[in-house]
N, C-alpha and C. Protein backbone atom coordinates (compact mmCIF):
# COMPACT_ATOMS: atom_id res chain seq x y z
N MET A 1 -7.21 9.79 15.11
CA MET A 1 -6.46 10.01 14.30
C MET A 1 -6.88 11.28 13.43
N HIS A 2 -6.22 12.07 13.10
CA HIS A 2 -6.40 13.58 12.67
C HIS A 2 -5.38 13.83 11.66
N GLY A 3 -6.06 13.99 10.46
CA GLY A 3 -4.70 14.72 9.59
C GLY A 3 -3.66 13.41 9.07
N ASN A 4 -2.44 13.62 8.91
CA ASN A 4 -1.49 12.64 9.25
C ASN A 4 -0.92 12.51 10.48
N CYS A 5 -1.47 12.44 11.40
CA CYS A 5 -1.10 12.14 12.64
C CYS A 5 -1.95 10.98 13.64
N ILE A 6 -1.44 10.06 14.34
CA ILE A 6 -2.08 9.12 14.97
C ILE A 6 -2.13 9.60 16.60
N TYR A 7 -2.82 9.33 17.27
CA TYR A 7 -2.65 9.76 18.84
C TYR A 7 -2.58 7.99 19.48
N ALA A 8 -2.01 8.14 20.45
CA ALA A 8 -1.32 6.94 20.54
C ALA A 8 -1.54 7.01 22.45
N LEU A 9 -2.57 6.29 22.97
CA LEU A 9 -2.92 6.42 24.54
C LEU A 9 -1.82 5.68 25.21
N SER A 10 -1.19 5.87 26.25
CA SER A 10 -0.60 4.91 26.94
C SER A 10 -0.93 5.02 28.29
N ILE A 11 -1.33 4.40 29.04
CA ILE A 11 -2.21 4.03 30.59
C ILE A 11 -0.87 3.14 31.31
N SER A 12 -0.57 3.78 32.34
CA SER A 12 0.21 3.21 33.03
C SER A 12 -0.11 3.52 34.65
N PRO A 13 0.01 2.43 35.44
CA PRO A 13 -0.59 2.86 37.21
C PRO A 13 -0.36 4.15 37.86
N CYS A 14 0.89 5.05 36.94
CA CYS A 14 1.10 6.25 37.80
C CYS A 14 0.81 7.27 36.64
N PHE A 15 0.51 7.19 35.11
CA PHE A 15 -0.17 8.28 34.46
C PHE A 15 -0.22 7.76 33.37
N VAL A 16 -1.03 8.85 32.61
CA VAL A 16 -1.47 8.68 31.23
C VAL A 16 -0.92 9.81 30.33
N SER A 17 -0.04 9.02 29.07
CA SER A 17 0.12 10.26 28.47
C SER A 17 -0.17 9.84 27.03
N LEU A 18 0.10 10.87 26.19
CA LEU A 18 -0.30 10.79 24.61
C LEU A 18 0.41 11.28 23.74
N LYS A 19 0.89 9.89 22.81
CA LYS A 19 1.85 10.36 22.05
C LYS A 19 1.41 10.58 20.98
N LEU A 20 2.26 11.92 20.14
CA LEU A 20 1.39 12.26 19.07
C LEU A 20 2.63 11.53 17.77
N MET A 21 2.25 10.36 16.87
CA MET A 21 2.87 9.90 15.99
C MET A 21 2.64 10.32 14.22
N SER A 22 3.72 11.30 13.55
CA SER A 22 3.24 11.68 12.26
C SER A 22 3.32 10.30 11.35
N TYR A 23 2.70 10.56 10.41
CA TYR A 23 3.04 9.55 9.04
C TYR A 23 3.09 10.23 7.77
N SER A 24 4.08 9.55 7.14
CA SER A 24 3.52 9.79 5.39
C SER A 24 2.85 8.76 4.70
N VAL A 25 2.01 9.36 3.68
CA VAL A 25 1.08 8.59 2.99
C VAL A 25 1.94 7.89 1.81
N SER A 26 1.58 6.50 1.43
CA SER A 26 1.93 6.30 0.87
C SER A 26 0.83 5.25 -0.13
N THR A 27 0.79 5.29 -1.41
CA THR A 27 -0.39 4.58 -2.02
C THR A 27 -0.03 3.67 -2.85
N ALA A 28 -1.14 2.52 -3.34
CA ALA A 28 -0.65 1.40 -4.09
C ALA A 28 -2.10 1.64 -4.97
N GLY A 29 -1.85 1.19 -6.42
CA GLY A 29 -2.76 0.53 -7.28
C GLY A 29 -2.86 -0.79 -7.34
N VAL A 30 -4.27 -1.53 -7.19
CA VAL A 30 -4.59 -2.60 -7.29
C VAL A 30 -5.24 -3.24 -8.67
N ALA A 31 -4.88 -3.09 -9.95
CA ALA A 31 -6.00 -3.85 -11.04
C ALA A 31 -6.29 -5.27 -11.10
N LYS A 32 -7.18 -5.27 -11.42
CA LYS A 32 -7.85 -6.60 -11.79
C LYS A 32 -8.47 -6.66 -13.17
N CYS A 33 -7.62 -7.86 -13.77
CA CYS A 33 -8.71 -8.07 -15.20
C CYS A 33 -8.24 -9.53 -15.28
N ASN A 34 -9.58 -10.28 -16.11
CA ASN A 34 -9.88 -11.43 -15.78
C ASN A 34 -9.19 -12.55 -14.41
N ASN A 35 -9.28 -12.12 -13.48
CA ASN A 35 -9.30 -12.52 -12.37
C ASN A 35 -8.07 -12.49 -12.15
N LYS A 36 -6.92 -11.55 -12.52
CA LYS A 36 -5.61 -11.72 -12.51
C LYS A 36 -5.46 -10.00 -11.69
N TYR A 37 -3.80 -10.24 -11.07
CA TYR A 37 -3.45 -8.74 -10.53
C TYR A 37 -2.41 -8.02 -11.01
N PHE A 38 -2.35 -7.19 -11.73
CA PHE A 38 -1.29 -6.28 -11.94
C PHE A 38 -0.08 -6.35 -10.59
N ILE A 39 1.05 -6.70 -10.92
CA ILE A 39 2.45 -6.80 -9.80
C ILE A 39 3.41 -6.50 -10.59
N ALA A 40 4.36 -5.88 -10.04
CA ALA A 40 5.48 -5.57 -10.80
C ALA A 40 6.75 -5.69 -9.88
N LYS A 41 7.89 -5.80 -10.42
CA LYS A 41 9.12 -6.10 -9.80
C LYS A 41 10.00 -4.88 -9.85
N ARG A 42 10.62 -4.58 -8.76
CA ARG A 42 11.57 -3.40 -8.75
C ARG A 42 12.86 -3.86 -9.06
N LYS A 43 13.82 -2.74 -9.64
CA LYS A 43 14.55 -2.93 -10.11
C LYS A 43 15.91 -3.35 -8.78
N PRO A 44 16.71 -4.16 -9.16
CA PRO A 44 17.77 -4.10 -7.60
C PRO A 44 18.55 -2.72 -7.34
N GLY A 45 19.10 -2.65 -5.88
CA GLY A 45 19.73 -1.97 -5.70
C GLY A 45 19.19 -0.58 -5.59
N LYS A 46 17.68 -0.81 -5.34
CA LYS A 46 16.91 0.61 -5.08
C LYS A 46 16.08 -0.02 -3.71
N ILE A 47 15.48 0.87 -3.04
CA ILE A 47 14.54 0.65 -2.12
C ILE A 47 13.38 -0.64 -2.69
N ILE A 48 13.66 -1.76 -1.52
CA ILE A 48 12.57 -2.82 -2.13
C ILE A 48 12.56 -3.49 -3.47
N GLY A 49 14.30 -3.36 -3.43
CA GLY A 49 14.92 -4.26 -5.09
C GLY A 49 14.47 -5.39 -4.98
N ASN A 50 14.20 -6.04 -6.35
CA ASN A 50 13.98 -7.22 -6.40
C ASN A 50 12.74 -7.69 -5.55
N LEU A 51 12.12 -7.08 -5.19
CA LEU A 51 10.61 -7.50 -4.41
C LEU A 51 9.43 -7.17 -5.51
N TRP A 52 8.43 -7.92 -5.27
CA TRP A 52 7.15 -7.95 -6.30
C TRP A 52 6.47 -6.58 -5.45
N GLU A 53 5.52 -5.87 -6.28
CA GLU A 53 4.69 -4.64 -5.40
C GLU A 53 3.29 -4.60 -6.25
N PHE A 54 2.60 -4.00 -5.70
CA PHE A 54 1.47 -3.29 -6.16
C PHE A 54 1.74 -2.02 -6.46
N PRO A 55 2.08 -1.54 -7.32
CA PRO A 55 3.23 -0.11 -7.83
C PRO A 55 2.17 0.94 -7.23
N GLY A 56 2.94 2.19 -7.03
CA GLY A 56 2.45 3.22 -5.96
C GLY A 56 3.51 4.20 -5.76
N GLY A 57 3.48 4.56 -4.60
CA GLY A 57 4.28 5.59 -4.19
C GLY A 57 4.07 6.37 -3.06
N LYS A 58 4.77 7.32 -2.67
CA LYS A 58 4.55 8.12 -1.45
C LYS A 58 3.50 9.67 -2.25
N THR A 59 3.08 9.94 -1.89
CA THR A 59 2.45 11.56 -2.07
C THR A 59 3.52 12.62 -1.66
N GLU A 60 3.09 13.52 -2.60
CA GLU A 60 3.93 14.90 -2.43
C GLU A 60 3.13 15.69 -1.76
N LYS A 61 3.88 16.72 -0.89
CA LYS A 61 3.19 17.87 -0.38
C LYS A 61 1.84 18.46 -1.14
N GLY A 62 1.23 18.62 -0.76
CA GLY A 62 -0.06 19.15 -1.14
C GLY A 62 -1.25 18.29 -2.16
N GLU A 63 -0.39 17.02 -2.13
CA GLU A 63 -1.37 16.13 -3.38
C GLU A 63 -2.28 14.98 -2.51
N LEU A 64 -3.18 14.47 -3.31
CA LEU A 64 -4.05 14.14 -2.62
C LEU A 64 -3.61 12.24 -3.18
N PRO A 65 -3.80 11.65 -2.44
CA PRO A 65 -3.48 10.49 -2.90
C PRO A 65 -3.96 9.94 -4.12
N GLU A 66 -4.71 9.82 -4.29
CA GLU A 66 -5.32 9.59 -5.67
C GLU A 66 -4.57 10.19 -6.97
N GLU A 67 -4.13 11.73 -6.73
CA GLU A 67 -3.37 12.26 -7.68
C GLU A 67 -1.90 11.46 -7.69
N GLY A 68 -1.42 11.25 -6.54
CA GLY A 68 -0.11 10.83 -6.38
C GLY A 68 -0.09 9.68 -6.90
N LEU A 69 -0.97 8.50 -6.75
CA LEU A 69 -1.06 7.45 -7.35
C LEU A 69 -1.22 7.81 -8.80
N ALA A 70 -1.71 8.35 -9.37
CA ALA A 70 -1.90 8.39 -10.98
C ALA A 70 -0.34 8.72 -11.38
N ARG A 71 0.23 9.75 -10.45
CA ARG A 71 1.64 10.47 -10.93
C ARG A 71 2.41 9.39 -10.89
N GLU A 72 2.70 8.47 -10.16
CA GLU A 72 3.45 7.46 -10.01
C GLU A 72 3.28 6.44 -10.92
N PHE A 73 2.13 6.06 -11.56
CA PHE A 73 2.05 5.06 -12.80
C PHE A 73 2.43 5.85 -13.92
N ARG A 74 2.11 7.11 -14.24
CA ARG A 74 2.92 8.07 -15.55
C ARG A 74 4.38 7.79 -15.29
N GLU A 75 5.00 8.25 -14.34
CA GLU A 75 6.43 7.94 -14.02
C GLU A 75 7.07 6.66 -14.01
N GLU A 76 6.35 5.75 -13.37
CA GLU A 76 6.72 4.33 -13.48
C GLU A 76 6.71 3.48 -14.50
N PHE A 77 5.68 3.91 -15.21
CA PHE A 77 4.67 2.99 -16.46
C PHE A 77 4.51 3.48 -17.79
N ASN A 78 4.70 5.29 -17.48
CA ASN A 78 4.17 5.70 -18.59
C ASN A 78 2.78 5.39 -18.98
N VAL A 79 1.55 5.22 -18.18
CA VAL A 79 0.31 5.03 -18.48
C VAL A 79 -0.30 5.91 -17.70
N ASN A 80 -1.48 5.88 -18.01
CA ASN A 80 -2.65 6.45 -17.38
C ASN A 80 -3.47 5.70 -16.66
N ILE A 81 -4.08 6.01 -15.67
CA ILE A 81 -4.79 4.94 -14.66
C ILE A 81 -5.99 5.69 -14.33
N LYS A 82 -7.16 4.99 -13.90
CA LYS A 82 -8.37 5.76 -13.52
C LYS A 82 -8.73 4.82 -11.77
N VAL A 83 -8.47 5.77 -10.73
CA VAL A 83 -8.55 5.58 -9.75
C VAL A 83 -9.83 5.36 -9.19
N ASN A 84 -10.16 4.39 -9.00
CA ASN A 84 -11.56 3.88 -8.42
C ASN A 84 -11.52 4.22 -6.59
N ASN A 85 -12.30 3.35 -6.19
CA ASN A 85 -12.56 3.26 -4.85
C ASN A 85 -11.19 2.79 -3.68
N MET A 86 -11.31 3.24 -2.59
CA MET A 86 -10.28 2.58 -1.51
C MET A 86 -10.64 0.89 -1.48
N LEU A 87 -9.46 0.38 -1.64
CA LEU A 87 -9.56 -0.97 -1.34
C LEU A 87 -9.24 -1.81 0.05
N CYS A 88 -8.04 -0.77 0.58
CA CYS A 88 -7.65 -1.27 1.82
C CYS A 88 -6.67 0.06 2.55
N SER A 89 -6.16 -0.15 3.77
CA SER A 89 -5.52 0.54 4.22
C SER A 89 -4.62 0.02 5.19
N GLY A 90 -3.40 0.64 5.86
CA GLY A 90 -2.71 -0.14 6.84
C GLY A 90 -1.62 0.93 7.60
N LEU A 91 -1.01 0.59 8.31
CA LEU A 91 0.30 1.15 8.85
C LEU A 91 1.55 0.20 8.57
N PHE A 92 2.35 0.80 8.48
CA PHE A 92 3.83 -0.20 8.24
C PHE A 92 4.80 0.89 8.56
N LYS A 93 6.27 0.19 9.01
CA LYS A 93 7.00 1.36 9.06
C LYS A 93 8.33 0.98 8.23
N HIS A 94 9.03 1.71 7.89
CA HIS A 94 10.20 1.12 7.15
C HIS A 94 11.44 2.78 7.46
N ASN A 95 12.62 2.04 7.93
CA ASN A 95 13.69 2.65 8.17
C ASN A 95 13.24 3.78 9.01
N GLU A 96 12.58 2.93 10.11
CA GLU A 96 12.18 3.96 11.69
C GLU A 96 11.30 4.92 11.36
N LYS A 97 10.58 5.07 9.97
CA LYS A 97 9.35 5.70 9.75
C LYS A 97 8.10 5.08 9.80
N ILE A 98 6.83 5.96 10.12
CA ILE A 98 5.63 5.29 9.98
C ILE A 98 5.03 5.51 8.57
N TYR A 99 4.55 5.03 7.70
CA TYR A 99 3.74 5.30 6.59
C TYR A 99 2.28 4.61 6.61
N LYS A 100 1.29 5.37 6.34
CA LYS A 100 -0.18 5.01 5.94
C LYS A 100 -0.02 4.82 4.48
N LEU A 101 -0.25 3.25 4.25
CA LEU A 101 -0.62 2.62 2.95
C LEU A 101 -2.02 2.74 2.57
N ILE A 102 -2.17 3.23 1.51
CA ILE A 102 -3.81 3.52 1.00
C ILE A 102 -3.84 2.70 0.09
N ALA A 103 -4.25 1.85 -0.44
CA ALA A 103 -4.55 0.65 -1.64
C ALA A 103 -5.89 1.26 -2.44
N PHE A 104 -5.98 1.46 -3.76
CA PHE A 104 -7.16 1.29 -4.39
C PHE A 104 -7.22 0.53 -5.38
N LYS A 105 -8.46 0.43 -5.99
CA LYS A 105 -8.96 -0.22 -7.02
C LYS A 105 -8.49 0.60 -8.15
N ILE A 106 -7.81 0.35 -9.38
CA ILE A 106 -7.62 1.05 -10.29
C ILE A 106 -7.87 0.47 -11.57
N ASP A 107 -8.14 1.19 -12.78
CA ASP A 107 -7.95 0.52 -13.89
C ASP A 107 -7.06 1.46 -15.09
N ILE A 108 -6.31 0.45 -15.63
CA ILE A 108 -4.83 0.51 -16.21
C ILE A 108 -5.51 1.24 -17.63
N LEU A 109 -5.18 2.26 -18.40
CA LEU A 109 -6.09 2.66 -19.22
C LEU A 109 -4.93 2.59 -20.60
N SER A 110 -4.06 1.64 -20.57
CA SER A 110 -2.94 1.29 -21.63
C SER A 110 -2.90 0.13 -21.55
N GLU A 111 -2.40 -0.88 -22.81
CA GLU A 111 -1.72 -1.78 -22.50
C GLU A 111 -0.03 -1.62 -22.92
N ILE A 112 0.33 -0.62 -23.33
CA ILE A 112 2.06 -0.91 -23.15
C ILE A 112 2.44 -0.43 -21.96
N PHE A 113 3.24 -0.83 -21.79
CA PHE A 113 3.98 -0.59 -20.44
C PHE A 113 5.43 0.11 -20.50
N GLU A 114 6.27 1.17 -19.97
CA GLU A 114 7.33 1.12 -20.21
C GLU A 114 7.95 1.22 -18.78
N LEU A 115 8.80 0.33 -18.63
CA LEU A 115 9.19 0.18 -17.42
C LEU A 115 10.54 0.85 -16.80
N THR A 116 10.31 2.10 -16.08
CA THR A 116 11.26 2.84 -15.62
C THR A 116 12.29 2.46 -14.48
N GLU A 117 11.22 1.76 -13.38
CA GLU A 117 11.38 1.67 -11.83
C GLU A 117 11.38 -0.05 -11.59
N HIS A 118 11.05 -0.53 -12.83
CA HIS A 118 10.94 -2.46 -12.40
C HIS A 118 11.27 -2.90 -13.79
N THR A 119 11.63 -4.07 -13.40
CA THR A 119 12.28 -5.19 -14.39
C THR A 119 11.13 -5.87 -15.28
N GLU A 120 10.16 -6.02 -14.63
CA GLU A 120 9.19 -6.75 -15.39
C GLU A 120 8.08 -6.89 -14.69
N TYR A 121 6.63 -6.88 -15.13
CA TYR A 121 5.31 -7.28 -14.56
C TYR A 121 4.60 -8.28 -15.13
N VAL A 122 3.88 -8.64 -14.14
CA VAL A 122 2.45 -9.84 -14.94
C VAL A 122 1.43 -9.49 -13.83
N TRP A 123 0.40 -10.33 -14.83
CA TRP A 123 -0.77 -10.44 -14.06
C TRP A 123 -0.70 -11.83 -13.67
N ALA A 124 -0.58 -11.96 -12.04
CA ALA A 124 -0.88 -12.82 -11.36
C ALA A 124 -2.22 -13.48 -10.86
N ASP A 125 -2.19 -14.68 -10.91
CA ASP A 125 -3.39 -15.05 -9.88
C ASP A 125 -3.50 -15.03 -8.64
N GLU A 126 -4.67 -14.72 -8.31
CA GLU A 126 -5.00 -14.55 -6.56
C GLU A 126 -3.87 -15.41 -6.01
N ALA A 127 -4.65 -16.71 -6.33
CA ALA A 127 -4.20 -18.14 -5.72
C ALA A 127 -2.46 -18.05 -5.76
N ASP A 128 -1.85 -17.50 -6.36
CA ASP A 128 -0.43 -17.64 -6.69
C ASP A 128 0.27 -16.08 -6.11
N LEU A 129 -0.38 -15.49 -5.30
CA LEU A 129 0.19 -14.22 -4.74
C LEU A 129 1.01 -14.63 -3.77
N LYS A 130 1.13 -15.51 -3.26
CA LYS A 130 1.90 -15.74 -2.00
C LYS A 130 3.34 -16.66 -2.47
N LYS A 131 3.14 -17.12 -3.97
CA LYS A 131 4.74 -17.19 -4.35
C LYS A 131 5.33 -16.45 -4.55
N TYR A 132 4.78 -14.87 -4.50
CA TYR A 132 5.93 -13.85 -4.88
C TYR A 132 6.26 -13.12 -3.58
N GLN A 133 7.69 -12.78 -3.45
CA GLN A 133 8.26 -11.81 -2.44
C GLN A 133 7.89 -10.54 -2.38
N PHE A 134 6.68 -9.91 -1.72
CA PHE A 134 6.48 -8.91 -1.60
C PHE A 134 7.36 -8.03 -0.35
N PRO A 135 7.26 -6.80 -0.41
CA PRO A 135 7.84 -5.68 1.16
C PRO A 135 6.82 -6.06 1.74
N GLU A 136 6.91 -5.52 3.20
CA GLU A 136 5.79 -5.60 4.19
C GLU A 136 4.86 -4.85 3.79
N SER A 137 4.69 -3.53 3.07
CA SER A 137 3.39 -2.92 2.90
C SER A 137 2.91 -3.54 2.06
N ASP A 138 3.03 -4.16 1.01
CA ASP A 138 2.21 -4.84 0.34
C ASP A 138 1.63 -6.12 0.86
N ILE A 139 2.22 -6.52 1.78
CA ILE A 139 1.60 -7.85 2.35
C ILE A 139 0.10 -7.35 2.90
N ILE A 140 0.34 -6.17 3.56
CA ILE A 140 -1.02 -5.93 3.83
C ILE A 140 -2.45 -5.75 2.77
N ILE A 141 -1.74 -5.40 1.42
CA ILE A 141 -2.85 -5.76 0.19
C ILE A 141 -3.16 -7.57 -0.04
N VAL A 142 -2.03 -8.18 0.27
CA VAL A 142 -1.97 -9.47 -0.47
C VAL A 142 -3.02 -9.88 0.92
N ASN A 143 -2.71 -9.85 2.11
CA ASN A 143 -3.63 -10.67 2.53
C ASN A 143 -4.84 -9.81 2.86
N HIS A 144 -5.30 -8.71 2.61
CA HIS A 144 -6.83 -8.09 2.06
C HIS A 144 -7.50 -8.90 1.09
N LEU A 145 -6.53 -9.05 -0.33
CA LEU A 145 -7.12 -10.07 -1.15
C LEU A 145 -7.34 -11.38 -1.17
N LEU A 146 -6.30 -11.92 -0.13
CA LEU A 146 -6.79 -13.20 0.08
C LEU A 146 -7.97 -13.33 1.44
N ASN A 147 -7.86 -12.80 1.92
CA ASN A 147 -9.11 -12.78 3.31
C ASN A 147 -10.19 -12.40 3.11
N ASN A 148 -10.31 -11.08 1.99
CA ASN A 148 -11.84 -10.23 1.57
C ASN A 148 -11.96 -10.32 0.33
N GLY A 149 -11.20 -10.60 -0.65
CA GLY A 149 -11.57 -10.59 -1.89
C GLY A 149 -10.76 -9.04 -2.30
N TYR A 150 -11.35 -8.56 -3.78
CA TYR A 150 -11.34 -7.70 -4.39
C TYR A 150 -12.53 -6.74 -4.39
């Protein structure tokens, strides 16, 4: 892997080929408080509408993943966050495009949320995470939390 590219080596009996696949970076913030995780439900009618997520979004050109995550939380909840270390990462596909999800541990620095892209939010127990319907990208995070913890 180099930059925002993944090199895939394909070997067959007749030839070896190297395919270059590019990807965009998407981030997610995982906040934990009193053994509960912050998740929010997307508004209906939009991409991943009516699904629960660990909020975040795509990074913009020239933006570090941590900067993009902080921007997304300001835009979607009008809150500031402290971005801590990376929790997990993985690849997922959406609309035939490949994304690299980078999930960070975060601290939310406010108790008041203004929902602009979501209809509701909850602090969910780890044991209850399987009860919520998440998009493919966030299943990476749920599986990590259930198998490896925070």
